Amino acid sequence: MEKYWNIFINGYKGYASYLWDEITNPSWHSYFYWLILVSVFFFVLEVVIPWRKNQSIIRKDFWLDAFYMFFNFFLFSLIIYNAASMVVVNLFNDAILALSGVDLGAINPMKSWPFWAVLLVGMVIRDFVQWWTHRLLHRVPFLWEYHKVHHSVEQMGFAAQLRYHWMENIVYRTLEYIPLALLGIGLYDFFIIHIFALAWGHFNHANISLKGWQSGGVVGILIGIILANNLLDIHLFTEPSLALKTLVILGTGGLGSLILGPLMPYLFNSPEMHIWHHAYHLPDERKYGVNFGLTLAIWDYIFGTAYIPKNGRDIQLGFPGVEEFPETFSGQVTHGFGSNK
């Protein structure tokens, strides 16, 4: 028991030091500044090419959602999640070792795989687990009460992605940890996968609309950033120049437009698809929700939950009863417990 208590205490200290270092020492591997950079990028797009032109730039609850971004990704981790999750991870690893003799910390079934393959498999498996978890949030009544916080968004924008109840952090991270741990996905691999998912989640919720060739180009650019800042250094060049990195990013962007463009509506989630996930009115046969994909759309097409009946640009968002749902941060983060259900 003392071992786990020490892990718990060190988890707080370690994450506090990590967060301070993230803020005071900007780098390519700083999640804090990636969050800001990606958010500013999509905010500019919403200003320049808005899908709903009559929607205010500073839409309803914009600042609430902006606070959620930092709360769910940083403050909540500092306050409780990181330390507690480290205890759970160690308990899980110790239990597997005791029951099967397998040391999850020592094995890595993909250690001989190329870096791009590790990222691709990790992203697909994590997204698949999250797709099923997302369905659970809609299907299980007590989980839906927590998930209502995310669906209380009534005007869509990029920051709405990160308006969600802190209990969702626990549900998602718990269910996705096991398969990723079994595969040996490392922290650095997870960092890159997480950044990609962050950017695509911002895109899904943003007040913009892109053609397939445009969103395919975005995927190509994101892949190019990974290639330019990882594989070039490791396999091809020592300290590649900025010009070479830029050329790689532009090249993969062009290839993404040409190759992925026609397939994008079926491969990846989009604002045009995700808007229907937030629809206030859905048919009775779809009462548990539609379009559950976070990054990939393919799962919804495979399992029959894809739903885009028409252009959903101006549909009403929310859920029946959202008019009485708490509008303050304190009211939302305590929703779902006891009499607040």
Protein backbone atom coordinates (compact mmCIF):
# COMPACT_ATOMS: atom_id res chain seq x y z
CA MET A 1 0.00 0.00 0.00
CA GLU A 2 2.88 2.35 0.77
CA LYS A 3 4.17 1.80 -2.77
CA TYR A 4 0.91 3.07 -4.30
CA TRP A 5 0.68 6.00 -1.88
CA ASN A 6 4.17 7.11 -2.93
CA ILE A 7 3.16 6.75 -6.58
CA PHE A 8 0.10 8.90 -5.87
CA ILE A 9 2.13 11.67 -4.18
CA ASN A 10 4.91 11.57 -6.77
CA GLY A 11 2.26 11.74 -9.49
CA TYR A 12 1.16 15.15 -8.23
CA LYS A 13 4.71 16.42 -7.88
CA GLY A 14 5.79 15.05 -11.23
CA TYR A 15 2.85 16.46 -13.15
CA ALA A 16 3.15 19.86 -11.49
CA SER A 17 6.81 20.02 -12.53
CA TYR A 18 5.93 18.81 -16.02
CA LEU A 19 3.21 21.43 -16.43
CA TRP A 20 5.50 24.22 -15.23
CA ASP A 21 8.19 23.07 -17.66
CA GLU A 22 5.62 22.92 -20.48
CA ILE A 23 4.66 26.56 -19.91
CA THR A 24 8.11 28.00 -19.28
CA ASN A 25 10.04 26.03 -21.94
CA PRO A 26 8.16 26.06 -25.27
CA SER A 27 9.23 23.31 -27.68
CA TRP A 28 7.93 21.07 -30.47
CA HIS A 29 6.95 18.59 -27.77
CA SER A 30 5.05 21.06 -25.59
CA TYR A 31 1.41 20.00 -25.46
CA PHE A 32 0.44 23.28 -23.80
CA TYR A 33 1.56 25.34 -26.79
CA TRP A 34 0.27 22.82 -29.33
CA LEU A 35 -3.18 23.28 -27.78
CA ILE A 36 -2.88 27.06 -28.13
CA LEU A 37 -1.45 26.87 -31.65
CA VAL A 38 -4.12 24.49 -32.95
CA SER A 39 -6.87 26.53 -31.27
CA VAL A 40 -5.66 29.84 -32.73
CA PHE A 41 -5.40 28.22 -36.18
CA PHE A 42 -9.04 27.10 -36.17
CA PHE A 43 -10.21 30.35 -34.62
CA VAL A 44 -8.66 32.21 -37.56
CA LEU A 45 -10.34 29.83 -40.01
CA GLU A 46 -13.71 30.46 -38.34
CA VAL A 47 -13.17 34.19 -38.81
CA VAL A 48 -11.98 33.95 -42.42
CA ILE A 49 -14.20 31.17 -43.85
CA PRO A 50 -17.18 30.68 -41.49
CA TRP A 51 -19.74 28.03 -42.44
CA ARG A 52 -22.53 29.77 -40.49
CA LYS A 53 -21.89 33.37 -41.47
CA ASN A 54 -24.60 34.74 -39.19
CA GLN A 55 -23.02 33.15 -36.10
CA SER A 56 -21.05 35.54 -33.92
CA ILE A 57 -17.28 35.07 -33.92
CA ILE A 58 -17.38 35.04 -30.12
CA ARG A 59 -20.32 32.67 -30.09
CA LYS A 60 -22.49 31.71 -27.14
CA ASP A 61 -20.39 30.06 -24.38
CA PHE A 62 -17.12 30.66 -26.24
CA TRP A 63 -15.23 31.62 -23.08
CA LEU A 64 -16.76 28.76 -21.11
CA ASP A 65 -15.50 26.31 -23.73
CA ALA A 66 -12.08 27.99 -23.78
CA PHE A 67 -11.83 27.43 -20.02
CA TYR A 68 -12.87 23.79 -20.47
CA MET A 69 -9.95 23.33 -22.88
CA PHE A 70 -7.40 24.07 -20.19
CA PHE A 71 -9.36 22.52 -17.34
CA ASN A 72 -9.81 19.12 -18.99
CA PHE A 73 -6.29 18.89 -20.41
CA PHE A 74 -4.25 20.51 -17.66
CA LEU A 75 -5.97 21.59 -14.44
CA PHE A 76 -7.99 18.39 -14.00
CA SER A 77 -4.84 16.34 -14.56
CA LEU A 78 -3.02 18.40 -11.96
CA ILE A 79 -5.84 18.29 -9.42
CA ILE A 80 -6.67 14.57 -9.48
CA TYR A 81 -6.41 12.54 -12.66
CA ASN A 82 -2.68 12.14 -13.24
CA ALA A 83 -1.78 10.92 -9.76
CA ALA A 84 -4.81 8.62 -9.50
CA SER A 85 -4.28 7.20 -12.99
CA MET A 86 -0.64 6.37 -12.21
CA VAL A 87 -1.84 4.30 -9.25
CA VAL A 88 -4.42 2.51 -11.43
CA VAL A 89 -1.83 1.84 -14.16
CA ASN A 90 0.57 0.31 -11.65
CA LEU A 91 -2.18 -1.75 -10.03
CA PHE A 92 -3.25 -3.02 -13.46
CA ASN A 93 0.32 -3.89 -14.48
CA ASP A 94 0.98 -5.64 -11.16
CA ALA A 95 -2.28 -7.61 -11.43
CA ILE A 96 -1.44 -8.79 -14.97
CA LEU A 97 2.06 -9.77 -13.82
CA ALA A 98 0.69 -11.71 -10.83
CA LEU A 99 -2.00 -13.53 -12.83
CA SER A 100 -0.17 -14.26 -16.06
CA GLY A 101 3.49 -13.58 -15.48
CA VAL A 102 3.45 -10.99 -18.27
CA ASP A 103 5.23 -7.72 -17.54
CA LEU A 104 3.46 -5.04 -19.60
CA GLY A 105 6.24 -2.61 -18.82
CA ALA A 106 8.82 -4.90 -20.43
CA ILE A 107 7.05 -6.18 -23.54
CA ASN A 108 6.50 -4.18 -26.68
CA PRO A 109 5.01 -6.25 -29.53
CA MET A 110 5.56 -3.40 -32.00
CA LYS A 111 9.14 -2.50 -31.01
CA SER A 112 10.49 -3.66 -34.38
CA TRP A 113 7.84 -1.85 -36.39
CA PRO A 114 8.62 1.35 -38.30
CA PHE A 115 7.62 4.53 -36.49
CA TRP A 116 4.84 5.42 -38.95
CA ALA A 117 3.25 1.99 -38.51
CA VAL A 118 3.23 2.32 -34.71
CA LEU A 119 1.49 5.69 -35.03
CA LEU A 120 -1.03 4.43 -37.60
CA VAL A 121 -1.99 1.33 -35.63
CA GLY A 122 -2.09 3.25 -32.36
CA MET A 123 -4.33 5.94 -33.83
CA VAL A 124 -6.76 3.46 -35.42
CA ILE A 125 -7.05 1.25 -32.33
CA ARG A 126 -7.45 4.20 -29.97
CA ASP A 127 -10.11 5.73 -32.21
CA PHE A 128 -11.96 2.40 -32.43
CA VAL A 129 -12.01 2.05 -28.63
CA GLN A 130 -13.16 5.65 -28.30
CA TRP A 131 -15.94 5.07 -30.84
CA TRP A 132 -17.41 2.27 -28.71
CA THR A 133 -16.86 4.29 -25.54
CA HIS A 134 -18.73 7.19 -27.13
CA ARG A 135 -21.65 4.87 -27.90
CA LEU A 136 -21.66 3.76 -24.26
CA LEU A 137 -21.93 7.39 -23.15
CA HIS A 138 -25.13 7.68 -25.17
CA ARG A 139 -26.58 4.27 -24.35
CA VAL A 140 -25.98 3.93 -20.59
CA PRO A 141 -28.31 6.34 -18.71
CA PHE A 142 -25.93 7.42 -15.93
CA LEU A 143 -23.10 7.96 -18.42
CA TRP A 144 -25.41 9.99 -20.64
CA GLU A 145 -25.99 12.39 -17.73
CA TYR A 146 -22.26 13.21 -17.77
CA HIS A 147 -22.16 13.35 -21.57
CA LYS A 148 -24.98 15.90 -21.60
CA VAL A 149 -22.37 18.53 -20.72
CA HIS A 150 -20.81 18.12 -24.15
CA HIS A 151 -24.21 18.12 -25.85
CA SER A 152 -25.29 21.28 -24.06
CA VAL A 153 -23.44 23.22 -26.79
CA GLU A 154 -26.04 25.28 -28.69
CA GLN A 155 -23.69 27.14 -31.05
CA MET A 156 -20.91 25.07 -32.55
CA GLY A 157 -17.27 26.12 -32.68
CA PHE A 158 -13.82 24.50 -32.42
CA ALA A 159 -13.55 24.91 -28.64
CA ALA A 160 -16.77 22.95 -28.11
CA GLN A 161 -14.72 19.80 -28.61
CA LEU A 162 -13.29 20.12 -25.13
CA ARG A 163 -16.46 21.00 -23.26
CA TYR A 164 -17.09 17.73 -21.50
CA HIS A 165 -17.61 16.43 -17.98
CA TRP A 166 -14.45 15.43 -16.11
CA MET A 167 -15.92 11.94 -15.61
CA GLU A 168 -15.48 11.39 -19.35
CA ASN A 169 -11.73 11.67 -18.86
CA ILE A 170 -11.88 8.76 -16.46
CA VAL A 171 -14.15 6.63 -18.69
CA TYR A 172 -12.18 7.20 -21.90
CA ARG A 173 -8.70 6.90 -20.42
CA THR A 174 -9.60 3.75 -18.45
CA LEU A 175 -11.01 1.90 -21.46
CA GLU A 176 -8.37 3.01 -23.96
CA TYR A 177 -5.39 2.34 -21.68
CA ILE A 178 -5.59 -1.46 -21.73
CA PRO A 179 -5.31 -2.08 -25.50
CA LEU A 180 -2.64 0.60 -25.91
CA ALA A 181 -0.63 -0.80 -22.99
CA LEU A 182 -0.88 -4.33 -24.40
CA LEU A 183 0.47 -3.05 -27.72
CA GLY A 184 3.31 -1.23 -26.02
CA ILE A 185 2.38 2.24 -27.26
CA GLY A 186 4.87 4.59 -25.60
CA LEU A 187 4.29 8.04 -24.17
CA TYR A 188 5.94 9.77 -27.12
CA ASP A 189 3.88 7.76 -29.60
CA PHE A 190 0.76 8.63 -27.64
CA PHE A 191 1.74 12.32 -27.62
CA ILE A 192 1.76 12.46 -31.42
CA ILE A 193 -1.48 10.45 -31.71
CA HIS A 194 -3.07 12.79 -29.17
CA ILE A 195 -2.00 15.92 -31.07
CA PHE A 196 -3.49 14.52 -34.29
CA ALA A 197 -6.77 13.69 -32.51
CA LEU A 198 -6.82 17.15 -30.91
CA ALA A 199 -6.45 18.87 -34.29
CA TRP A 200 -9.10 16.70 -35.92
CA GLY A 201 -11.50 17.17 -33.02
CA HIS A 202 -11.13 20.95 -33.35
CA PHE A 203 -11.87 20.59 -37.06
CA ASN A 204 -15.02 18.47 -36.49
CA HIS A 205 -16.50 21.09 -34.20
CA ALA A 206 -15.29 24.19 -36.04
CA ASN A 207 -17.61 26.61 -37.79
CA ILE A 208 -16.04 25.86 -41.17
CA SER A 209 -16.78 23.61 -44.13
CA LEU A 210 -14.10 22.13 -46.40
CA LYS A 211 -14.18 20.15 -49.62
CA GLY A 212 -12.71 16.66 -49.64
CA TRP A 213 -9.53 17.75 -51.40
CA GLN A 214 -9.02 20.48 -48.82
CA SER A 215 -9.44 18.23 -45.79
CA GLY A 216 -7.31 15.59 -47.53
CA GLY A 217 -4.61 18.23 -47.83
CA VAL A 218 -4.90 18.96 -44.10
CA VAL A 219 -4.33 15.26 -43.31
CA GLY A 220 -1.34 15.30 -45.65
CA ILE A 221 0.09 18.36 -43.90
CA LEU A 222 -0.32 16.77 -40.47
CA ILE A 223 1.44 13.64 -41.73
CA GLY A 224 4.14 15.86 -43.20
CA ILE A 225 4.72 17.55 -39.84
CA ILE A 226 5.25 14.14 -38.23
CA LEU A 227 7.62 13.07 -41.01
CA ALA A 228 9.56 16.33 -40.98
CA ASN A 229 10.06 16.40 -37.23
CA ASN A 230 10.68 12.71 -36.60
CA LEU A 231 11.54 10.41 -39.48
CA LEU A 232 13.84 12.82 -41.31
CA ASP A 233 16.01 13.20 -38.22
CA ILE A 234 16.08 9.48 -37.55
CA HIS A 235 16.37 7.81 -40.93
CA LEU A 236 17.35 10.24 -43.66
CA PHE A 237 19.16 13.34 -42.53
CA THR A 238 20.99 14.70 -39.51
CA GLU A 239 19.41 18.01 -38.55
CA PRO A 240 17.45 18.53 -41.78
CA SER A 241 17.05 22.15 -42.85
CA LEU A 242 13.85 24.16 -42.41
CA ALA A 243 13.55 24.33 -46.21
CA LEU A 244 13.63 20.54 -46.50
CA LYS A 245 11.07 20.14 -43.73
CA THR A 246 8.80 22.69 -45.43
CA LEU A 247 9.15 20.88 -48.76
CA VAL A 248 8.17 17.58 -47.14
CA ILE A 249 5.11 19.14 -45.49
CA LEU A 250 3.96 20.79 -48.73
CA GLY A 251 4.57 17.57 -50.67
CA THR A 252 2.55 15.40 -48.32
CA GLY A 253 -0.19 18.05 -48.32
CA GLY A 254 -0.44 17.84 -52.10
CA LEU A 255 -0.46 14.05 -52.07
CA GLY A 256 -3.15 14.09 -49.40
CA SER A 257 -5.38 16.26 -51.58
CA LEU A 258 -4.97 14.00 -54.61
CA ILE A 259 -5.11 10.58 -52.96
CA LEU A 260 -7.32 11.09 -49.90
CA GLY A 261 -9.56 13.86 -51.26
CA PRO A 262 -12.26 11.64 -52.85
CA LEU A 263 -12.29 9.30 -49.82
CA MET A 264 -12.36 11.88 -47.03
CA PRO A 265 -16.17 11.91 -46.42
CA TYR A 266 -16.02 8.17 -45.66
CA LEU A 267 -12.66 7.96 -43.90
CA PHE A 268 -12.59 10.96 -41.56
CA ASN A 269 -15.14 12.81 -39.48
CA SER A 270 -16.02 16.35 -40.57
CA PRO A 271 -18.07 19.38 -39.45
CA GLU A 272 -20.79 18.41 -41.96
CA MET A 273 -21.04 14.96 -40.39
CA HIS A 274 -20.47 15.79 -36.74
CA ILE A 275 -23.07 18.57 -36.65
CA TRP A 276 -25.72 15.83 -36.85
CA HIS A 277 -24.27 14.15 -33.77
CA HIS A 278 -25.25 17.32 -31.88
CA ALA A 279 -28.69 17.64 -33.46
CA TYR A 280 -31.54 18.53 -31.09
CA HIS A 281 -34.06 16.56 -33.15
CA LEU A 282 -33.34 13.03 -34.33
CA PRO A 283 -35.69 10.29 -35.63
CA ASP A 284 -37.10 7.91 -33.01
CA GLU A 285 -35.12 5.01 -34.46
CA ARG A 286 -31.93 7.03 -33.86
CA LYS A 287 -32.76 8.08 -30.30
CA TYR A 288 -29.40 6.88 -28.95
CA GLY A 289 -27.46 9.10 -31.32
CA VAL A 290 -25.63 9.05 -34.65
CA ASN A 291 -22.16 9.72 -36.07
CA PHE A 292 -20.16 8.64 -33.02
CA GLY A 293 -16.76 8.92 -34.71
CA LEU A 294 -14.16 11.14 -33.05
CA THR A 295 -11.50 11.14 -35.76
CA LEU A 296 -12.50 8.42 -38.21
CA ALA A 297 -15.92 8.22 -39.87
CA ILE A 298 -15.41 4.70 -41.16
CA TRP A 299 -16.74 3.05 -37.98
CA ASP A 300 -20.12 4.75 -38.41
CA TYR A 301 -20.39 3.46 -41.98
CA ILE A 302 -19.32 -0.04 -40.96
CA PHE A 303 -21.74 -0.29 -38.02
CA GLY A 304 -24.65 1.58 -39.60
CA THR A 305 -24.70 4.71 -37.43
CA ALA A 306 -23.76 7.21 -40.16
CA TYR A 307 -26.47 9.84 -40.67
CA ILE A 308 -26.33 12.90 -42.92
CA PRO A 309 -29.88 13.39 -44.24
CA LYS A 310 -29.23 16.90 -45.58
CA ASN A 311 -27.03 19.94 -45.14
CA GLY A 312 -27.08 20.44 -41.36
CA ARG A 313 -25.49 23.87 -41.24
CA ASP A 314 -28.41 25.61 -39.51
CA ILE A 315 -30.03 22.78 -37.52
CA GLN A 316 -30.92 23.27 -33.84
CA LEU A 317 -28.29 21.85 -31.49
CA GLY A 318 -28.56 20.34 -28.03
CA PHE A 319 -31.06 17.84 -26.66
CA PRO A 320 -34.64 17.94 -25.36
CA GLY A 321 -34.37 19.66 -21.99
CA VAL A 322 -31.15 21.57 -22.74
CA GLU A 323 -33.06 24.77 -21.99
CA GLU A 324 -33.06 23.82 -18.28
CA PHE A 325 -29.52 22.41 -18.25
CA PRO A 326 -26.96 24.23 -16.03
CA GLU A 327 -25.19 27.02 -17.90
CA THR A 328 -22.36 27.62 -15.43
CA PHE A 329 -19.13 25.66 -15.15
CA SER A 330 -19.80 24.71 -11.52
CA GLY A 331 -23.29 23.51 -12.37
CA GLN A 332 -22.06 21.40 -15.27
CA VAL A 333 -19.08 19.71 -13.57
CA THR A 334 -21.29 18.62 -10.66
CA HIS A 335 -24.10 17.42 -12.93
CA GLY A 336 -24.76 13.70 -12.96
CA PHE A 337 -24.43 13.10 -9.23
CA GLY A 338 -27.36 12.44 -6.91
CA SER A 339 -30.17 15.00 -7.20
CA ASN A 340 -28.39 16.76 -10.09
CA LYS A 341 -29.30 13.93 -12.48
